[in-house]
Amino acid sequence: ASVTFVPIRHQQRKGLADCLLPPSPATAAMKEKKKGGESRKVIALALLASAGFYLACAGVAYWAYCAQVPENVVDAWPLTWVPGVLARGF
């Protein structure tokens, strides 16, 4: 998470400086150039990568245990295990 926050933090500092500085032709040109945002690209890529990894892990787990996985995964836990009982309740 800290690796992906570095570019975002950099843009936040630039945004704060833009708010504190008086408007000038140079700052107006920088604002026009900055549209699109690298932050959105980083966040979108991170979300897509995490969804891909999650689906890959879920697919491999299902492939490895496909015959042994019950229809409702919570049913695999014993009734004597308190977290399993709570999971069934909710």
N, C-alpha and C. Protein backbone atom coordinates (compact mmCIF):
# COMPACT_ATOMS: atom_id res chain seq x y z
N ALA A 1 0.82 -1.19 0.00
CA ALA A 1 0.00 0.00 0.00
C ALA A 1 0.87 1.25 0.00
N SER A 2 1.98 1.23 0.72
CA SER A 2 2.81 2.43 0.77
C SER A 2 3.47 2.70 -0.58
N VAL A 3 3.73 1.66 -1.36
CA VAL A 3 4.34 1.85 -2.67
C VAL A 3 3.39 2.56 -3.62
N THR A 4 2.11 2.22 -3.55
CA THR A 4 1.14 2.86 -4.43
C THR A 4 0.75 4.25 -3.95
N PHE A 5 1.01 4.56 -2.67
CA PHE A 5 0.62 5.87 -2.15
C PHE A 5 1.63 6.96 -2.50
N VAL A 6 2.86 6.59 -2.84
CA VAL A 6 3.88 7.59 -3.13
C VAL A 6 3.48 8.52 -4.26
N PRO A 7 3.03 8.02 -5.44
CA PRO A 7 2.62 8.96 -6.49
C PRO A 7 1.41 9.80 -6.08
N ILE A 8 0.51 9.22 -5.31
CA ILE A 8 -0.67 9.95 -4.88
C ILE A 8 -0.28 11.08 -3.94
N ARG A 9 0.63 10.79 -3.00
CA ARG A 9 1.08 11.79 -2.05
C ARG A 9 1.77 12.94 -2.79
N HIS A 10 2.54 12.61 -3.81
CA HIS A 10 3.22 13.63 -4.60
C HIS A 10 2.21 14.56 -5.26
N GLN A 11 1.14 14.00 -5.81
CA GLN A 11 0.13 14.84 -6.44
C GLN A 11 -0.65 15.66 -5.41
N GLN A 12 -0.82 15.12 -4.20
CA GLN A 12 -1.51 15.88 -3.17
C GLN A 12 -0.71 17.11 -2.79
N ARG A 13 0.60 16.96 -2.69
CA ARG A 13 1.45 18.12 -2.39
C ARG A 13 1.36 19.18 -3.48
N LYS A 14 1.36 18.71 -4.73
CA LYS A 14 1.25 19.66 -5.84
C LYS A 14 -0.10 20.36 -5.79
N GLY A 15 -1.16 19.63 -5.43
CA GLY A 15 -2.49 20.23 -5.35
C GLY A 15 -2.58 21.27 -4.25
N LEU A 16 -1.92 20.99 -3.11
CA LEU A 16 -1.92 21.95 -2.00
C LEU A 16 -1.16 23.21 -2.39
N ALA A 17 -0.04 23.04 -3.09
CA ALA A 17 0.72 24.21 -3.53
C ALA A 17 -0.09 25.04 -4.51
N ASP A 18 -0.86 24.40 -5.38
CA ASP A 18 -1.70 25.14 -6.33
C ASP A 18 -2.77 25.95 -5.61
N CYS A 19 -3.27 25.42 -4.50
CA CYS A 19 -4.30 26.14 -3.75
C CYS A 19 -3.72 27.35 -3.02
N LEU A 20 -2.48 27.24 -2.57
CA LEU A 20 -1.88 28.31 -1.78
C LEU A 20 -1.26 29.40 -2.64
N LEU A 21 -0.83 29.07 -3.85
CA LEU A 21 -0.20 30.06 -4.71
C LEU A 21 -1.27 30.88 -5.45
N PRO A 22 -0.99 32.15 -5.67
CA PRO A 22 -1.95 32.95 -6.45
C PRO A 22 -1.98 32.46 -7.90
N PRO A 23 -3.11 32.60 -8.57
CA PRO A 23 -3.21 32.13 -9.95
C PRO A 23 -2.31 32.95 -10.88
N SER A 24 -1.65 32.24 -11.76
CA SER A 24 -0.79 32.88 -12.75
C SER A 24 -0.89 32.06 -14.03
N PRO A 25 -0.42 32.57 -15.15
CA PRO A 25 -0.46 31.80 -16.40
C PRO A 25 0.31 30.48 -16.28
N ALA A 26 1.40 30.47 -15.52
CA ALA A 26 2.20 29.25 -15.38
C ALA A 26 1.43 28.19 -14.60
N THR A 27 0.79 28.58 -13.50
CA THR A 27 0.04 27.60 -12.71
C THR A 27 -1.20 27.14 -13.47
N ALA A 28 -1.81 28.02 -14.24
CA ALA A 28 -2.98 27.62 -15.05
C ALA A 28 -2.58 26.59 -16.09
N ALA A 29 -1.41 26.78 -16.70
CA ALA A 29 -0.93 25.82 -17.69
C ALA A 29 -0.62 24.48 -17.04
N MET A 30 -0.07 24.51 -15.82
CA MET A 30 0.22 23.26 -15.11
C MET A 30 -1.06 22.51 -14.76
N LYS A 31 -2.11 23.25 -14.37
CA LYS A 31 -3.38 22.61 -14.04
C LYS A 31 -3.98 21.95 -15.27
N GLU A 32 -3.91 22.61 -16.41
CA GLU A 32 -4.43 22.03 -17.65
C GLU A 32 -3.68 20.76 -18.01
N LYS A 33 -2.38 20.80 -17.82
CA LYS A 33 -1.53 19.66 -18.17
C LYS A 33 -1.76 18.48 -17.24
N LYS A 34 -2.16 18.74 -16.00
CA LYS A 34 -2.28 17.72 -14.97
C LYS A 34 -3.58 16.93 -15.06
N LYS A 35 -4.52 17.34 -15.87
CA LYS A 35 -5.80 16.65 -15.96
C LYS A 35 -5.61 15.20 -16.37
N GLY A 36 -6.47 14.33 -15.91
CA GLY A 36 -6.37 12.91 -16.23
C GLY A 36 -5.89 12.14 -15.02
N GLY A 37 -4.93 12.66 -14.33
CA GLY A 37 -4.48 12.12 -13.05
C GLY A 37 -3.82 10.76 -13.10
N GLU A 38 -2.58 10.76 -12.70
CA GLU A 38 -1.86 9.49 -12.59
C GLU A 38 -2.39 8.67 -11.42
N SER A 39 -2.96 9.35 -10.42
CA SER A 39 -3.48 8.64 -9.25
C SER A 39 -4.59 7.68 -9.63
N ARG A 40 -5.48 8.12 -10.47
CA ARG A 40 -6.59 7.25 -10.88
C ARG A 40 -6.09 6.03 -11.64
N LYS A 41 -5.06 6.22 -12.44
CA LYS A 41 -4.50 5.10 -13.18
C LYS A 41 -3.87 4.08 -12.23
N VAL A 42 -3.15 4.57 -11.23
CA VAL A 42 -2.50 3.68 -10.26
C VAL A 42 -3.55 2.92 -9.46
N ILE A 43 -4.57 3.61 -9.01
CA ILE A 43 -5.62 2.97 -8.22
C ILE A 43 -6.39 1.96 -9.05
N ALA A 44 -6.71 2.31 -10.29
CA ALA A 44 -7.44 1.39 -11.16
C ALA A 44 -6.60 0.15 -11.46
N LEU A 45 -5.32 0.33 -11.71
CA LEU A 45 -4.43 -0.80 -11.96
C LEU A 45 -4.31 -1.69 -10.72
N ALA A 46 -4.22 -1.08 -9.54
CA ALA A 46 -4.14 -1.85 -8.30
C ALA A 46 -5.42 -2.65 -8.07
N LEU A 47 -6.57 -2.05 -8.35
CA LEU A 47 -7.83 -2.78 -8.18
C LEU A 47 -7.95 -3.93 -9.16
N LEU A 48 -7.56 -3.71 -10.40
CA LEU A 48 -7.61 -4.77 -11.39
C LEU A 48 -6.64 -5.90 -11.05
N ALA A 49 -5.45 -5.54 -10.60
CA ALA A 49 -4.47 -6.56 -10.22
C ALA A 49 -4.94 -7.38 -9.03
N SER A 50 -5.50 -6.72 -8.01
CA SER A 50 -5.98 -7.45 -6.84
C SER A 50 -7.17 -8.34 -7.19
N ALA A 51 -8.06 -7.88 -8.06
CA ALA A 51 -9.18 -8.72 -8.49
C ALA A 51 -8.68 -9.92 -9.28
N GLY A 52 -7.69 -9.71 -10.13
CA GLY A 52 -7.11 -10.82 -10.89
C GLY A 52 -6.44 -11.84 -9.99
N PHE A 53 -5.67 -11.36 -9.01
CA PHE A 53 -5.03 -12.28 -8.08
C PHE A 53 -6.06 -13.04 -7.25
N TYR A 54 -7.10 -12.36 -6.81
CA TYR A 54 -8.15 -13.01 -6.02
C TYR A 54 -8.84 -14.11 -6.84
N LEU A 55 -9.19 -13.80 -8.08
CA LEU A 55 -9.85 -14.79 -8.93
C LEU A 55 -8.92 -15.96 -9.24
N ALA A 56 -7.64 -15.67 -9.44
CA ALA A 56 -6.68 -16.75 -9.70
C ALA A 56 -6.55 -17.67 -8.49
N CYS A 57 -6.44 -17.09 -7.31
CA CYS A 57 -6.34 -17.90 -6.08
C CYS A 57 -7.62 -18.71 -5.85
N ALA A 58 -8.76 -18.09 -6.07
CA ALA A 58 -10.02 -18.80 -5.89
C ALA A 58 -10.14 -19.94 -6.90
N GLY A 59 -9.73 -19.70 -8.13
CA GLY A 59 -9.79 -20.75 -9.16
C GLY A 59 -8.87 -21.91 -8.85
N VAL A 60 -7.65 -21.62 -8.39
CA VAL A 60 -6.72 -22.69 -8.04
C VAL A 60 -7.22 -23.48 -6.83
N ALA A 61 -7.75 -22.79 -5.85
CA ALA A 61 -8.29 -23.49 -4.67
C ALA A 61 -9.47 -24.38 -5.05
N TYR A 62 -10.34 -23.88 -5.90
CA TYR A 62 -11.48 -24.69 -6.32
C TYR A 62 -11.00 -25.89 -7.14
N TRP A 63 -10.02 -25.67 -8.00
CA TRP A 63 -9.48 -26.77 -8.82
C TRP A 63 -8.83 -27.82 -7.94
N ALA A 64 -8.14 -27.39 -6.88
CA ALA A 64 -7.45 -28.33 -6.01
C ALA A 64 -8.42 -29.13 -5.14
N TYR A 65 -9.51 -28.52 -4.72
CA TYR A 65 -10.43 -29.18 -3.78
C TYR A 65 -11.84 -29.30 -4.34
N CYS A 66 -12.01 -29.34 -5.65
CA CYS A 66 -13.35 -29.23 -6.25
C CYS A 66 -14.31 -30.30 -5.75
N ALA A 67 -13.90 -31.52 -5.55
CA ALA A 67 -14.82 -32.57 -5.12
C ALA A 67 -15.10 -32.50 -3.62
N GLN A 68 -14.24 -31.84 -2.85
CA GLN A 68 -14.37 -31.83 -1.39
C GLN A 68 -15.03 -30.56 -0.85
N VAL A 69 -15.26 -29.58 -1.68
CA VAL A 69 -15.85 -28.32 -1.23
C VAL A 69 -17.37 -28.46 -1.21
N PRO A 70 -18.00 -28.26 -0.03
CA PRO A 70 -19.47 -28.32 0.02
C PRO A 70 -20.09 -27.11 -0.67
N GLU A 71 -21.36 -27.22 -0.95
CA GLU A 71 -22.05 -26.12 -1.63
C GLU A 71 -22.00 -24.85 -0.79
N ASN A 72 -22.20 -24.99 0.50
CA ASN A 72 -22.06 -23.87 1.43
C ASN A 72 -20.79 -24.14 2.24
N VAL A 73 -19.79 -23.32 2.07
CA VAL A 73 -18.49 -23.54 2.70
C VAL A 73 -18.60 -23.55 4.23
N VAL A 74 -19.54 -22.80 4.78
CA VAL A 74 -19.71 -22.73 6.23
C VAL A 74 -20.11 -24.10 6.79
N ASP A 75 -20.77 -24.93 5.99
CA ASP A 75 -21.17 -26.25 6.46
C ASP A 75 -19.98 -27.17 6.74
N ALA A 76 -18.81 -26.82 6.27
CA ALA A 76 -17.62 -27.63 6.52
C ALA A 76 -17.12 -27.45 7.95
N TRP A 77 -17.51 -26.40 8.63
CA TRP A 77 -17.06 -26.15 10.00
C TRP A 77 -17.96 -26.87 10.99
N PRO A 78 -17.39 -27.43 12.07
CA PRO A 78 -18.20 -28.16 13.06
C PRO A 78 -19.08 -27.21 13.88
N LEU A 79 -20.17 -27.74 14.39
CA LEU A 79 -21.09 -26.93 15.20
C LEU A 79 -20.50 -26.60 16.57
N THR A 80 -19.46 -27.29 16.97
CA THR A 80 -18.84 -27.01 18.26
C THR A 80 -17.88 -25.83 18.20
N TRP A 81 -17.56 -25.37 17.00
CA TRP A 81 -16.65 -24.23 16.84
C TRP A 81 -17.46 -22.95 16.82
N VAL A 82 -17.26 -22.07 17.82
CA VAL A 82 -18.09 -20.88 18.01
C VAL A 82 -18.07 -19.94 16.79
N PRO A 83 -16.90 -19.62 16.20
CA PRO A 83 -16.94 -18.76 15.01
C PRO A 83 -17.74 -19.35 13.86
N GLY A 84 -17.72 -20.71 13.73
CA GLY A 84 -18.52 -21.36 12.69
C GLY A 84 -20.01 -21.20 12.93
N VAL A 85 -20.41 -21.29 14.20
CA VAL A 85 -21.82 -21.09 14.56
C VAL A 85 -22.23 -19.65 14.28
N LEU A 86 -21.35 -18.70 14.63
CA LEU A 86 -21.67 -17.29 14.35
C LEU A 86 -21.76 -17.03 12.85
N ALA A 87 -20.89 -17.65 12.07
CA ALA A 87 -20.93 -17.47 10.62
C ALA A 87 -22.23 -18.03 10.02
N ARG A 88 -22.70 -19.12 10.56
CA ARG A 88 -23.98 -19.67 10.08
C ARG A 88 -25.14 -18.75 10.44
N GLY A 89 -25.04 -18.09 11.57
CA GLY A 89 -26.11 -17.21 12.02
C GLY A 89 -26.22 -15.93 11.18
N PHE A 90 -25.10 -15.53 10.64
CA PHE A 90 -25.11 -14.27 9.87
C PHE A 90 -24.94 -14.58 8.43
